[in-house]
């Protein structure tokens, strides 16, 4: 890991993923988590304060970046919930949980970055209980060709600067390919956000 990725990227991602429009997106889905919850890519713990304590029995917070884990543990401590979270310091491609052990998987602005998203979603499917669900909000490929063209042009540089974040992944298509059926999915361009990074989708998904 080079110095940029180790020292700069965690701070950039923390700031970018906590802008007001993105926080509003998170607020739409995180409170829907219930039971035993697995959050993929918890980052700096941005979602922690949004969980409904009356609905969540336990939270597993998965995060592979050491710098982010430090930030997330600090956030949990500040919220007074550090002892109620198990941190899984690894990637989503190999989730260290047993089959059928999770009620809700929370995926917020992380599928854009996971190197092997197919393995990550396969692992998520494996650990979900029958009837379990994913709640998600992600940015990705825009439906407007003019915007999509610029996403494709900018993506190589964007990925290098933003910790591997892709602009052109299609969240709905990815979930369907992984064997999930979308429930109540919605899309929009975020206000006050460049369109190349501001086309978002959100909703829930269950094993088809």
N, C-alpha and C. Protein backbone atom coordinates (compact mmCIF):
# COMPACT_ATOMS: atom_id res chain seq x y z
N UNK A 1 0.85 -1.19 0.00
CA UNK A 1 0.00 0.00 0.00
C UNK A 1 0.89 1.25 0.00
N UNK A 2 0.70 2.14 -0.99
CA UNK A 2 1.53 3.34 -1.05
C UNK A 2 1.04 4.40 -0.07
N UNK A 3 1.86 5.44 0.20
CA UNK A 3 1.47 6.46 1.18
C UNK A 3 0.14 7.14 0.88
N UNK A 4 -0.15 7.36 -0.42
CA UNK A 4 -1.43 7.99 -0.78
C UNK A 4 -2.60 7.14 -0.30
N UNK A 5 -2.53 5.84 -0.58
CA UNK A 5 -3.62 4.94 -0.20
C UNK A 5 -3.70 4.78 1.32
N UNK A 6 -2.56 4.81 2.00
CA UNK A 6 -2.55 4.55 3.44
C UNK A 6 -2.97 5.78 4.25
N UNK A 7 -2.49 6.97 3.83
CA UNK A 7 -2.69 8.14 4.68
C UNK A 7 -3.70 9.15 4.13
N UNK A 8 -3.84 9.22 2.82
CA UNK A 8 -4.70 10.25 2.23
C UNK A 8 -6.09 9.72 1.90
N UNK A 9 -6.15 8.54 1.25
CA UNK A 9 -7.43 8.00 0.79
C UNK A 9 -8.45 7.84 1.93
N UNK A 10 -8.07 7.30 3.11
CA UNK A 10 -9.08 7.17 4.16
C UNK A 10 -9.76 8.49 4.52
N UNK A 11 -8.98 9.58 4.54
CA UNK A 11 -9.55 10.89 4.87
C UNK A 11 -10.43 11.40 3.73
N UNK A 12 -9.99 11.20 2.49
CA UNK A 12 -10.80 11.62 1.34
C UNK A 12 -12.14 10.89 1.31
N UNK A 13 -12.08 9.57 1.49
CA UNK A 13 -13.30 8.77 1.43
C UNK A 13 -14.24 9.13 2.57
N UNK A 14 -13.68 9.33 3.76
CA UNK A 14 -14.51 9.70 4.91
C UNK A 14 -15.28 10.98 4.64
N UNK A 15 -14.59 11.96 4.06
CA UNK A 15 -15.25 13.24 3.77
C UNK A 15 -16.27 13.10 2.64
N UNK A 16 -15.87 12.42 1.56
CA UNK A 16 -16.76 12.29 0.40
C UNK A 16 -18.01 11.50 0.73
N UNK A 17 -17.88 10.49 1.60
CA UNK A 17 -19.01 9.62 1.91
C UNK A 17 -19.89 10.16 3.03
N UNK A 18 -19.58 11.38 3.48
CA UNK A 18 -20.39 11.97 4.55
C UNK A 18 -20.96 13.32 4.14
N UNK A 19 -21.00 13.61 2.82
CA UNK A 19 -21.65 14.84 2.38
C UNK A 19 -23.14 14.75 2.66
N UNK A 20 -23.79 15.88 2.72
CA UNK A 20 -25.22 15.90 3.08
C UNK A 20 -26.08 15.04 2.14
N UNK A 21 -25.93 15.15 0.80
CA UNK A 21 -26.77 14.30 -0.07
C UNK A 21 -26.55 12.81 0.17
N UNK A 22 -25.31 12.41 0.42
CA UNK A 22 -25.03 10.99 0.64
C UNK A 22 -25.55 10.54 2.00
N UNK A 23 -25.44 11.42 2.99
CA UNK A 23 -25.98 11.07 4.31
C UNK A 23 -27.49 10.87 4.24
N UNK A 24 -28.16 11.66 3.44
CA UNK A 24 -29.60 11.49 3.28
C UNK A 24 -29.92 10.15 2.64
N UNK A 25 -29.09 9.72 1.71
CA UNK A 25 -29.28 8.40 1.11
C UNK A 25 -29.11 7.30 2.16
N UNK A 26 -28.09 7.42 2.97
CA UNK A 26 -27.86 6.43 4.02
C UNK A 26 -29.07 6.35 4.96
N UNK A 27 -29.61 7.51 5.28
CA UNK A 27 -30.74 7.56 6.21
C UNK A 27 -31.99 6.87 5.67
N UNK A 28 -32.05 6.69 4.36
CA UNK A 28 -33.20 6.02 3.76
C UNK A 28 -33.18 4.51 4.00
N UNK A 29 -31.98 3.93 4.17
CA UNK A 29 -31.91 2.47 4.20
C UNK A 29 -31.36 1.89 5.49
N UNK A 30 -30.40 2.55 6.12
CA UNK A 30 -29.77 1.95 7.31
C UNK A 30 -30.76 1.65 8.42
N UNK A 31 -31.72 2.52 8.71
CA UNK A 31 -32.68 2.21 9.79
C UNK A 31 -33.56 0.99 9.49
N UNK A 32 -33.54 0.49 8.25
CA UNK A 32 -34.33 -0.69 7.90
C UNK A 32 -33.63 -1.98 8.30
N UNK A 33 -32.39 -1.90 8.72
CA UNK A 33 -31.65 -3.10 9.13
C UNK A 33 -32.23 -3.65 10.42
N UNK A 34 -32.29 -4.99 10.50
CA UNK A 34 -32.86 -5.61 11.70
C UNK A 34 -32.21 -6.96 11.94
N UNK A 35 -32.33 -7.42 13.19
CA UNK A 35 -31.78 -8.71 13.57
C UNK A 35 -30.27 -8.68 13.64
N UNK A 36 -29.66 -9.77 13.20
CA UNK A 36 -28.20 -9.84 13.10
C UNK A 36 -27.80 -9.14 11.81
N UNK A 37 -26.98 -8.10 11.93
CA UNK A 37 -26.68 -7.23 10.79
C UNK A 37 -25.20 -7.34 10.43
N UNK A 38 -24.94 -7.43 9.13
CA UNK A 38 -23.59 -7.36 8.60
C UNK A 38 -23.49 -6.12 7.73
N UNK A 39 -22.58 -5.22 8.08
CA UNK A 39 -22.34 -4.06 7.22
C UNK A 39 -21.06 -4.28 6.43
N UNK A 40 -21.18 -4.27 5.11
CA UNK A 40 -20.02 -4.43 4.25
C UNK A 40 -19.34 -3.08 4.06
N UNK A 41 -18.05 -3.01 4.37
CA UNK A 41 -17.31 -1.78 4.17
C UNK A 41 -17.81 -0.66 5.06
N UNK A 42 -17.68 -0.84 6.36
CA UNK A 42 -18.23 0.16 7.30
C UNK A 42 -17.46 1.46 7.25
N UNK A 43 -16.28 1.49 6.62
CA UNK A 43 -15.53 2.73 6.50
C UNK A 43 -15.22 3.32 7.87
N UNK A 44 -15.50 4.59 8.04
CA UNK A 44 -15.21 5.28 9.30
C UNK A 44 -16.34 5.16 10.31
N UNK A 45 -17.30 4.28 10.03
CA UNK A 45 -18.44 4.13 10.94
C UNK A 45 -19.53 5.16 10.71
N UNK A 46 -19.60 5.65 9.49
CA UNK A 46 -20.56 6.71 9.14
C UNK A 46 -21.99 6.29 9.40
N UNK A 47 -22.29 4.99 9.23
CA UNK A 47 -23.68 4.53 9.41
C UNK A 47 -24.04 4.22 10.86
N UNK A 48 -23.07 4.12 11.74
CA UNK A 48 -23.33 3.56 13.06
C UNK A 48 -24.46 4.26 13.81
N UNK A 49 -24.51 5.58 13.74
CA UNK A 49 -25.53 6.33 14.49
C UNK A 49 -26.93 6.17 13.91
N UNK A 50 -27.04 5.62 12.69
CA UNK A 50 -28.34 5.51 12.03
C UNK A 50 -29.07 4.21 12.32
N UNK A 51 -28.39 3.24 12.92
CA UNK A 51 -29.05 1.98 13.21
C UNK A 51 -30.09 2.17 14.30
N UNK A 52 -31.22 1.46 14.14
CA UNK A 52 -32.29 1.47 15.14
C UNK A 52 -31.95 0.42 16.20
N UNK A 53 -31.53 0.87 17.37
CA UNK A 53 -31.09 -0.05 18.42
C UNK A 53 -32.19 -1.01 18.83
N UNK A 54 -33.44 -0.62 18.64
CA UNK A 54 -34.55 -1.48 19.00
C UNK A 54 -34.79 -2.61 18.01
N UNK A 55 -34.16 -2.52 16.84
CA UNK A 55 -34.36 -3.54 15.80
C UNK A 55 -33.12 -4.40 15.56
N UNK A 56 -31.95 -3.91 15.96
CA UNK A 56 -30.70 -4.61 15.68
C UNK A 56 -30.26 -5.42 16.90
N UNK A 57 -30.09 -6.72 16.70
CA UNK A 57 -29.63 -7.59 17.79
C UNK A 57 -28.11 -7.59 17.91
N UNK A 58 -27.43 -7.54 16.78
CA UNK A 58 -25.97 -7.54 16.80
C UNK A 58 -25.47 -6.98 15.47
N UNK A 59 -24.32 -6.31 15.52
CA UNK A 59 -23.75 -5.72 14.31
C UNK A 59 -22.34 -6.25 14.08
N UNK A 60 -22.13 -6.80 12.89
CA UNK A 60 -20.80 -7.14 12.41
C UNK A 60 -20.40 -6.05 11.41
N UNK A 61 -19.29 -5.38 11.68
CA UNK A 61 -18.83 -4.31 10.81
C UNK A 61 -17.57 -4.78 10.09
N UNK A 62 -17.70 -5.02 8.79
CA UNK A 62 -16.59 -5.54 7.99
C UNK A 62 -15.89 -4.39 7.29
N UNK A 63 -14.56 -4.36 7.39
CA UNK A 63 -13.78 -3.29 6.76
C UNK A 63 -12.33 -3.75 6.58
N UNK A 64 -11.82 -3.75 5.32
CA UNK A 64 -10.47 -4.24 5.08
C UNK A 64 -9.36 -3.21 5.26
N UNK A 65 -9.69 -1.92 5.25
CA UNK A 65 -8.66 -0.88 5.29
C UNK A 65 -8.29 -0.54 6.74
N UNK A 66 -7.06 -0.77 7.14
CA UNK A 66 -6.67 -0.51 8.54
C UNK A 66 -6.96 0.92 9.00
N UNK A 67 -6.71 1.90 8.12
CA UNK A 67 -6.97 3.29 8.50
C UNK A 67 -8.43 3.55 8.78
N UNK A 68 -9.30 2.91 8.02
CA UNK A 68 -10.73 3.06 8.24
C UNK A 68 -11.19 2.36 9.52
N UNK A 69 -10.60 1.20 9.80
CA UNK A 69 -10.97 0.48 11.02
C UNK A 69 -10.66 1.32 12.25
N UNK A 70 -9.53 1.99 12.25
CA UNK A 70 -9.18 2.87 13.36
C UNK A 70 -10.24 3.95 13.54
N UNK A 71 -10.66 4.56 12.42
CA UNK A 71 -11.68 5.60 12.48
C UNK A 71 -13.02 5.04 12.95
N UNK A 72 -13.38 3.85 12.45
CA UNK A 72 -14.66 3.25 12.81
C UNK A 72 -14.72 2.90 14.30
N UNK A 73 -13.63 2.37 14.82
CA UNK A 73 -13.60 2.04 16.25
C UNK A 73 -13.70 3.29 17.10
N UNK A 74 -13.09 4.38 16.64
CA UNK A 74 -13.20 5.65 17.36
C UNK A 74 -14.64 6.16 17.34
N UNK A 75 -15.28 6.03 16.17
CA UNK A 75 -16.68 6.45 16.06
C UNK A 75 -17.56 5.65 16.99
N UNK A 76 -17.38 4.32 17.00
CA UNK A 76 -18.18 3.46 17.86
C UNK A 76 -17.98 3.81 19.33
N UNK A 77 -16.74 4.10 19.70
CA UNK A 77 -16.45 4.48 21.09
C UNK A 77 -17.13 5.78 21.46
N UNK A 78 -17.09 6.75 20.55
CA UNK A 78 -17.73 8.04 20.82
C UNK A 78 -19.23 7.91 20.96
N UNK A 79 -19.82 6.94 20.24
CA UNK A 79 -21.26 6.71 20.32
C UNK A 79 -21.63 5.82 21.49
N UNK A 80 -20.63 5.27 22.15
CA UNK A 80 -20.88 4.39 23.28
C UNK A 80 -21.37 3.01 22.89
N UNK A 81 -21.04 2.57 21.67
CA UNK A 81 -21.52 1.27 21.20
C UNK A 81 -20.37 0.34 20.81
N UNK A 82 -19.17 0.70 21.20
CA UNK A 82 -18.01 -0.07 20.80
C UNK A 82 -18.07 -1.52 21.21
N UNK A 83 -18.65 -1.81 22.39
CA UNK A 83 -18.69 -3.19 22.89
C UNK A 83 -19.77 -4.03 22.21
N UNK A 84 -20.66 -3.39 21.47
CA UNK A 84 -21.75 -4.12 20.83
C UNK A 84 -21.50 -4.37 19.34
N UNK A 85 -20.29 -4.06 18.87
CA UNK A 85 -19.94 -4.26 17.47
C UNK A 85 -18.75 -5.20 17.37
N UNK A 86 -18.85 -6.20 16.52
CA UNK A 86 -17.71 -7.06 16.19
C UNK A 86 -17.13 -6.57 14.87
N UNK A 87 -15.88 -6.17 14.88
CA UNK A 87 -15.22 -5.72 13.67
C UNK A 87 -14.55 -6.89 12.96
N UNK A 88 -14.87 -7.03 11.69
CA UNK A 88 -14.27 -8.07 10.85
C UNK A 88 -13.29 -7.37 9.92
N UNK A 89 -12.00 -7.46 10.24
CA UNK A 89 -10.99 -6.70 9.52
C UNK A 89 -10.50 -7.49 8.31
N UNK A 90 -11.36 -7.54 7.31
CA UNK A 90 -11.06 -8.33 6.11
C UNK A 90 -11.93 -7.81 4.97
N UNK A 91 -11.71 -8.37 3.78
CA UNK A 91 -12.50 -7.99 2.62
C UNK A 91 -13.80 -8.76 2.54
N UNK A 92 -14.75 -8.24 1.77
CA UNK A 92 -16.06 -8.87 1.63
C UNK A 92 -16.03 -10.11 0.75
N UNK A 93 -14.90 -10.34 0.09
CA UNK A 93 -14.80 -11.51 -0.78
C UNK A 93 -14.69 -12.82 0.00
N UNK A 94 -14.42 -12.72 1.30
CA UNK A 94 -14.29 -13.91 2.14
C UNK A 94 -14.78 -13.56 3.55
N UNK A 95 -16.07 -13.59 3.73
CA UNK A 95 -16.68 -13.14 4.99
C UNK A 95 -16.54 -14.23 6.05
N UNK A 96 -15.93 -13.92 7.19
CA UNK A 96 -15.69 -14.94 8.21
C UNK A 96 -16.90 -15.19 9.12
N UNK A 97 -18.04 -15.51 8.52
CA UNK A 97 -19.26 -15.84 9.25
C UNK A 97 -19.82 -17.14 8.68
N UNK A 98 -20.63 -17.82 9.47
CA UNK A 98 -21.18 -19.10 9.04
C UNK A 98 -22.35 -18.90 8.08
N UNK A 99 -22.69 -19.94 7.36
CA UNK A 99 -23.83 -19.91 6.45
C UNK A 99 -25.11 -19.56 7.22
N UNK A 100 -25.99 -18.82 6.56
CA UNK A 100 -27.33 -18.55 7.09
C UNK A 100 -27.29 -17.96 8.51
N UNK A 101 -26.41 -16.97 8.71
CA UNK A 101 -26.23 -16.41 10.05
C UNK A 101 -26.62 -14.94 10.17
N UNK A 102 -27.01 -14.31 9.06
CA UNK A 102 -27.26 -12.86 9.03
C UNK A 102 -28.67 -12.58 8.56
N UNK A 103 -29.35 -11.67 9.25
CA UNK A 103 -30.70 -11.26 8.84
C UNK A 103 -30.68 -10.14 7.80
N UNK A 104 -29.77 -9.19 7.98
CA UNK A 104 -29.70 -8.03 7.08
C UNK A 104 -28.26 -7.72 6.73
N UNK A 105 -27.99 -7.54 5.46
CA UNK A 105 -26.69 -7.04 5.01
C UNK A 105 -26.88 -5.59 4.56
N UNK A 106 -26.05 -4.72 5.07
CA UNK A 106 -26.12 -3.29 4.74
C UNK A 106 -24.98 -2.96 3.80
N UNK A 107 -25.33 -2.44 2.63
CA UNK A 107 -24.33 -2.11 1.60
C UNK A 107 -24.57 -0.67 1.16
N UNK A 108 -23.70 0.23 1.60
CA UNK A 108 -23.88 1.65 1.27
C UNK A 108 -22.59 2.22 0.72
N UNK A 109 -22.62 2.59 -0.55
CA UNK A 109 -21.49 3.23 -1.22
C UNK A 109 -20.20 2.43 -1.04
N UNK A 110 -20.31 1.12 -1.28
CA UNK A 110 -19.14 0.26 -1.15
C UNK A 110 -18.97 -0.68 -2.35
N UNK A 111 -20.06 -1.05 -3.03
CA UNK A 111 -19.93 -1.95 -4.18
C UNK A 111 -19.11 -1.32 -5.30
N UNK A 112 -19.04 -0.01 -5.30
CA UNK A 112 -18.24 0.69 -6.31
C UNK A 112 -16.75 0.42 -6.15
N UNK A 113 -16.35 -0.01 -4.95
CA UNK A 113 -14.93 -0.10 -4.62
C UNK A 113 -14.43 -1.53 -4.46
N UNK A 114 -15.29 -2.45 -4.05
CA UNK A 114 -14.86 -3.83 -3.80
C UNK A 114 -14.24 -4.42 -5.07
N UNK A 115 -12.99 -4.87 -5.01
CA UNK A 115 -12.32 -5.37 -6.22
C UNK A 115 -13.08 -6.51 -6.91
N UNK A 116 -13.47 -7.52 -6.15
CA UNK A 116 -14.17 -8.67 -6.71
C UNK A 116 -15.61 -8.68 -6.20
N UNK A 117 -16.45 -7.86 -6.84
CA UNK A 117 -17.81 -7.70 -6.33
C UNK A 117 -18.63 -8.98 -6.47
N UNK A 118 -18.31 -9.81 -7.46
CA UNK A 118 -19.06 -11.05 -7.63
C UNK A 118 -18.85 -11.97 -6.43
N UNK A 119 -17.62 -12.10 -6.00
CA UNK A 119 -17.35 -12.93 -4.82
C UNK A 119 -17.98 -12.32 -3.57
N UNK A 120 -17.94 -11.00 -3.47
CA UNK A 120 -18.52 -10.33 -2.30
C UNK A 120 -20.03 -10.57 -2.20
N UNK A 121 -20.72 -10.48 -3.33
CA UNK A 121 -22.17 -10.72 -3.30
C UNK A 121 -22.49 -12.20 -3.11
N UNK A 122 -21.63 -13.07 -3.64
CA UNK A 122 -21.83 -14.51 -3.41
C UNK A 122 -21.67 -14.83 -1.93
N UNK A 123 -20.69 -14.21 -1.29
CA UNK A 123 -20.48 -14.41 0.14
C UNK A 123 -21.64 -13.83 0.95
N UNK A 124 -22.13 -12.68 0.52
CA UNK A 124 -23.28 -12.09 1.20
C UNK A 124 -24.49 -13.01 1.10
N UNK A 125 -24.70 -13.57 -0.06
CA UNK A 125 -25.80 -14.52 -0.26
C UNK A 125 -25.63 -15.75 0.63
N UNK A 126 -24.40 -16.20 0.78
CA UNK A 126 -24.13 -17.38 1.60
C UNK A 126 -24.47 -17.15 3.07
N UNK A 127 -24.12 -15.98 3.60
CA UNK A 127 -24.31 -15.75 5.04
C UNK A 127 -25.73 -15.29 5.39
N UNK A 128 -26.51 -14.87 4.40
CA UNK A 128 -27.88 -14.45 4.69
C UNK A 128 -28.76 -15.64 5.05
N UNK A 129 -29.61 -15.44 6.05
CA UNK A 129 -30.59 -16.46 6.41
C UNK A 129 -31.67 -16.53 5.34
N UNK A 130 -32.39 -17.65 5.22
CA UNK A 130 -33.56 -17.69 4.34
C UNK A 130 -34.52 -16.55 4.71
N UNK A 131 -34.91 -15.77 3.74
CA UNK A 131 -35.77 -14.63 4.02
C UNK A 131 -35.02 -13.38 4.41
N UNK A 132 -33.69 -13.49 4.55
CA UNK A 132 -32.89 -12.32 4.88
C UNK A 132 -32.84 -11.34 3.72
N UNK A 133 -32.30 -10.15 3.98
CA UNK A 133 -32.34 -9.12 2.94
C UNK A 133 -31.06 -8.30 2.93
N UNK A 134 -30.85 -7.67 1.80
CA UNK A 134 -29.86 -6.61 1.65
C UNK A 134 -30.62 -5.29 1.64
N UNK A 135 -30.12 -4.30 2.36
CA UNK A 135 -30.57 -2.92 2.16
C UNK A 135 -29.37 -2.16 1.60
N UNK A 136 -29.60 -1.37 0.58
CA UNK A 136 -28.47 -0.78 -0.13
C UNK A 136 -28.77 0.61 -0.63
N UNK A 137 -27.72 1.39 -0.79
CA UNK A 137 -27.72 2.59 -1.60
C UNK A 137 -26.32 2.74 -2.18
N UNK A 138 -26.26 2.95 -3.48
CA UNK A 138 -24.99 2.97 -4.19
C UNK A 138 -25.03 4.00 -5.32
N UNK A 139 -23.85 4.49 -5.69
CA UNK A 139 -23.78 5.31 -6.91
C UNK A 139 -23.25 4.42 -8.03
N UNK A 140 -23.51 4.84 -9.27
CA UNK A 140 -23.05 4.00 -10.36
C UNK A 140 -23.37 4.55 -11.74
N UNK A 141 -23.44 3.64 -12.68
CA UNK A 141 -23.59 3.99 -14.09
C UNK A 141 -24.89 4.75 -14.34
N UNK A 142 -24.77 5.91 -14.95
CA UNK A 142 -25.93 6.73 -15.25
C UNK A 142 -26.65 6.22 -16.50
N UNK A 143 -27.98 6.42 -16.58
CA UNK A 143 -28.73 5.97 -17.75
C UNK A 143 -28.59 6.92 -18.95
N UNK A 144 -28.14 8.13 -18.71
CA UNK A 144 -27.99 9.11 -19.77
C UNK A 144 -26.63 8.93 -20.45
N UNK A 145 -26.64 8.69 -21.73
CA UNK A 145 -25.40 8.35 -22.43
C UNK A 145 -24.36 9.45 -22.33
N UNK A 146 -24.80 10.71 -22.33
CA UNK A 146 -23.84 11.80 -22.21
C UNK A 146 -23.07 11.76 -20.90
N UNK A 147 -23.79 11.45 -19.82
CA UNK A 147 -23.15 11.33 -18.50
C UNK A 147 -22.29 10.07 -18.45
N UNK A 148 -22.85 8.96 -18.96
CA UNK A 148 -22.12 7.69 -18.94
C UNK A 148 -20.81 7.77 -19.72
N UNK A 149 -20.83 8.52 -20.82
CA UNK A 149 -19.61 8.68 -21.62
C UNK A 149 -18.51 9.32 -20.79
N UNK A 150 -18.87 10.36 -20.02
CA UNK A 150 -17.87 11.02 -19.18
C UNK A 150 -17.46 10.14 -18.00
N UNK A 151 -18.38 9.35 -17.51
CA UNK A 151 -18.01 8.41 -16.45
C UNK A 151 -16.92 7.45 -16.93
N UNK A 152 -17.10 6.94 -18.14
CA UNK A 152 -16.11 6.01 -18.69
C UNK A 152 -14.77 6.70 -18.93
N UNK A 153 -14.80 7.95 -19.35
CA UNK A 153 -13.56 8.68 -19.60
C UNK A 153 -12.80 8.97 -18.31
N UNK A 154 -13.54 9.36 -17.29
CA UNK A 154 -12.92 9.82 -16.04
C UNK A 154 -12.52 8.65 -15.13
N UNK A 155 -13.19 7.52 -15.29
CA UNK A 155 -13.03 6.43 -14.33
C UNK A 155 -11.58 6.00 -14.06
N UNK A 156 -10.71 5.84 -15.06
CA UNK A 156 -9.34 5.40 -14.74
C UNK A 156 -8.62 6.31 -13.75
N UNK A 157 -8.75 7.61 -13.93
CA UNK A 157 -8.11 8.55 -13.01
C UNK A 157 -8.83 8.55 -11.67
N UNK A 158 -10.14 8.52 -11.72
CA UNK A 158 -10.96 8.51 -10.51
C UNK A 158 -10.59 7.32 -9.62
N UNK A 159 -10.47 6.15 -10.22
CA UNK A 159 -10.12 4.94 -9.47
C UNK A 159 -8.77 5.11 -8.77
N UNK A 160 -7.80 5.68 -9.47
CA UNK A 160 -6.47 5.82 -8.90
C UNK A 160 -6.46 6.77 -7.71
N UNK A 161 -7.29 7.80 -7.77
CA UNK A 161 -7.31 8.80 -6.70
C UNK A 161 -8.25 8.45 -5.56
N UNK A 162 -9.27 7.64 -5.85
CA UNK A 162 -10.34 7.42 -4.87
C UNK A 162 -10.39 5.98 -4.35
N UNK A 163 -9.23 5.37 -4.20
CA UNK A 163 -9.19 4.06 -3.56
C UNK A 163 -9.85 2.94 -4.33
N UNK A 164 -9.84 3.04 -5.68
CA UNK A 164 -10.40 1.98 -6.50
C UNK A 164 -11.88 2.13 -6.80
N UNK A 165 -12.46 3.28 -6.48
CA UNK A 165 -13.89 3.51 -6.73
C UNK A 165 -14.19 3.55 -8.23
N UNK A 166 -15.19 2.75 -8.65
CA UNK A 166 -15.64 2.74 -10.04
C UNK A 166 -16.85 3.66 -10.21
N UNK A 167 -16.94 4.31 -11.34
CA UNK A 167 -18.08 5.16 -11.65
C UNK A 167 -19.13 4.45 -12.50
N UNK A 168 -18.76 3.31 -13.11
CA UNK A 168 -19.62 2.73 -14.14
C UNK A 168 -20.23 1.39 -13.76
N UNK A 169 -20.22 1.04 -12.50
CA UNK A 169 -20.86 -0.20 -12.10
C UNK A 169 -22.38 0.02 -11.98
N UNK A 170 -23.13 -0.97 -12.43
CA UNK A 170 -24.60 -0.91 -12.43
C UNK A 170 -25.10 -1.76 -11.27
N UNK A 171 -25.48 -1.12 -10.18
CA UNK A 171 -25.82 -1.83 -8.94
C UNK A 171 -26.96 -2.81 -9.13
N UNK A 172 -28.03 -2.38 -9.78
CA UNK A 172 -29.18 -3.27 -9.98
C UNK A 172 -28.80 -4.50 -10.77
N UNK A 173 -28.05 -4.31 -11.85
CA UNK A 173 -27.63 -5.44 -12.68
C UNK A 173 -26.72 -6.38 -11.89
N UNK A 174 -25.84 -5.82 -11.07
CA UNK A 174 -24.94 -6.63 -10.26
C UNK A 174 -25.72 -7.50 -9.27
N UNK A 175 -26.69 -6.92 -8.60
CA UNK A 175 -27.48 -7.68 -7.63
C UNK A 175 -28.29 -8.78 -8.32
N UNK A 176 -28.87 -8.45 -9.46
CA UNK A 176 -29.64 -9.47 -10.18
C UNK A 176 -28.73 -10.60 -10.67
N UNK A 177 -27.56 -10.25 -11.17
CA UNK A 177 -26.62 -11.28 -11.63
C UNK A 177 -26.20 -12.19 -10.48
N UNK A 178 -26.14 -11.64 -9.28
CA UNK A 178 -25.73 -12.42 -8.11
C UNK A 178 -26.87 -13.26 -7.53
N UNK A 179 -28.06 -13.17 -8.12
CA UNK A 179 -29.16 -14.01 -7.67
C UNK A 179 -30.11 -13.36 -6.70
N UNK A 180 -30.16 -12.02 -6.71
CA UNK A 180 -31.07 -11.29 -5.84
C UNK A 180 -32.19 -10.65 -6.66
N UNK A 181 -33.34 -10.51 -6.02
CA UNK A 181 -34.46 -9.80 -6.61
C UNK A 181 -34.62 -8.46 -5.89
N UNK A 182 -34.70 -7.38 -6.66
CA UNK A 182 -34.83 -6.06 -6.08
C UNK A 182 -36.24 -5.83 -5.56
N UNK A 183 -36.34 -5.07 -4.46
CA UNK A 183 -37.63 -4.71 -3.88
C UNK A 183 -37.68 -3.20 -3.70
N UNK A 184 -38.60 -2.57 -4.41
CA UNK A 184 -38.82 -1.13 -4.23
C UNK A 184 -37.60 -0.28 -4.56
N UNK A 185 -36.80 -0.69 -5.52
CA UNK A 185 -35.60 0.07 -5.86
C UNK A 185 -35.97 1.39 -6.54
N UNK A 186 -35.26 2.44 -6.17
CA UNK A 186 -35.47 3.76 -6.75
C UNK A 186 -34.12 4.33 -7.19
N UNK A 187 -34.18 5.34 -8.08
CA UNK A 187 -32.96 5.97 -8.58
C UNK A 187 -33.16 7.47 -8.69
N UNK A 188 -32.04 8.19 -8.68
CA UNK A 188 -32.08 9.65 -8.86
C UNK A 188 -30.65 10.16 -9.01
N UNK A 189 -30.53 11.40 -9.47
CA UNK A 189 -29.28 12.12 -9.40
C UNK A 189 -29.26 12.90 -8.08
N UNK A 190 -28.19 12.80 -7.34
CA UNK A 190 -28.08 13.53 -6.08
C UNK A 190 -28.01 15.03 -6.35
N UNK A 191 -28.67 15.84 -5.55
CA UNK A 191 -28.54 17.29 -5.71
C UNK A 191 -27.16 17.77 -5.30
N UNK A 192 -26.73 18.85 -5.92
CA UNK A 192 -25.45 19.49 -5.57
C UNK A 192 -24.27 18.52 -5.66
N UNK A 193 -24.35 17.61 -6.63
CA UNK A 193 -23.31 16.60 -6.81
C UNK A 193 -23.03 16.45 -8.31
N UNK A 194 -21.78 16.40 -8.72
CA UNK A 194 -21.49 16.17 -10.14
C UNK A 194 -22.20 14.91 -10.64
N UNK A 195 -22.82 14.99 -11.79
CA UNK A 195 -23.61 13.87 -12.28
C UNK A 195 -22.79 12.60 -12.48
N UNK A 196 -21.51 12.74 -12.81
CA UNK A 196 -20.71 11.54 -13.04
C UNK A 196 -20.57 10.70 -11.76
N UNK A 197 -20.74 11.34 -10.60
CA UNK A 197 -20.62 10.61 -9.33
C UNK A 197 -21.93 10.61 -8.55
N UNK A 198 -22.98 11.17 -9.15
CA UNK A 198 -24.19 11.41 -8.38
C UNK A 198 -25.42 10.63 -8.77
N UNK A 199 -25.28 9.66 -9.67
CA UNK A 199 -26.45 8.83 -10.00
C UNK A 199 -26.52 7.69 -9.00
N UNK A 200 -27.58 7.65 -8.21
CA UNK A 200 -27.67 6.68 -7.10
C UNK A 200 -28.91 5.80 -7.24
N UNK A 201 -28.82 4.63 -6.64
CA UNK A 201 -29.97 3.73 -6.53
C UNK A 201 -30.04 3.28 -5.08
N UNK A 202 -31.25 2.92 -4.65
CA UNK A 202 -31.41 2.44 -3.28
C UNK A 202 -32.65 1.57 -3.17
N UNK A 203 -32.67 0.75 -2.13
CA UNK A 203 -33.81 -0.13 -1.92
C UNK A 203 -33.39 -1.36 -1.14
N UNK A 204 -34.08 -2.46 -1.38
CA UNK A 204 -33.78 -3.72 -0.72
C UNK A 204 -33.69 -4.82 -1.76
N UNK A 205 -33.10 -5.93 -1.38
CA UNK A 205 -32.98 -7.08 -2.27
C UNK A 205 -33.00 -8.35 -1.44
N UNK A 206 -33.64 -9.37 -1.98
CA UNK A 206 -33.68 -10.68 -1.32
C UNK A 206 -33.26 -11.75 -2.32
N UNK A 207 -32.86 -12.90 -1.80
CA UNK A 207 -32.44 -14.00 -2.66
C UNK A 207 -33.61 -14.41 -3.54
N UNK A 208 -33.38 -14.43 -4.82
CA UNK A 208 -34.47 -14.73 -5.79
C UNK A 208 -34.86 -16.20 -5.73
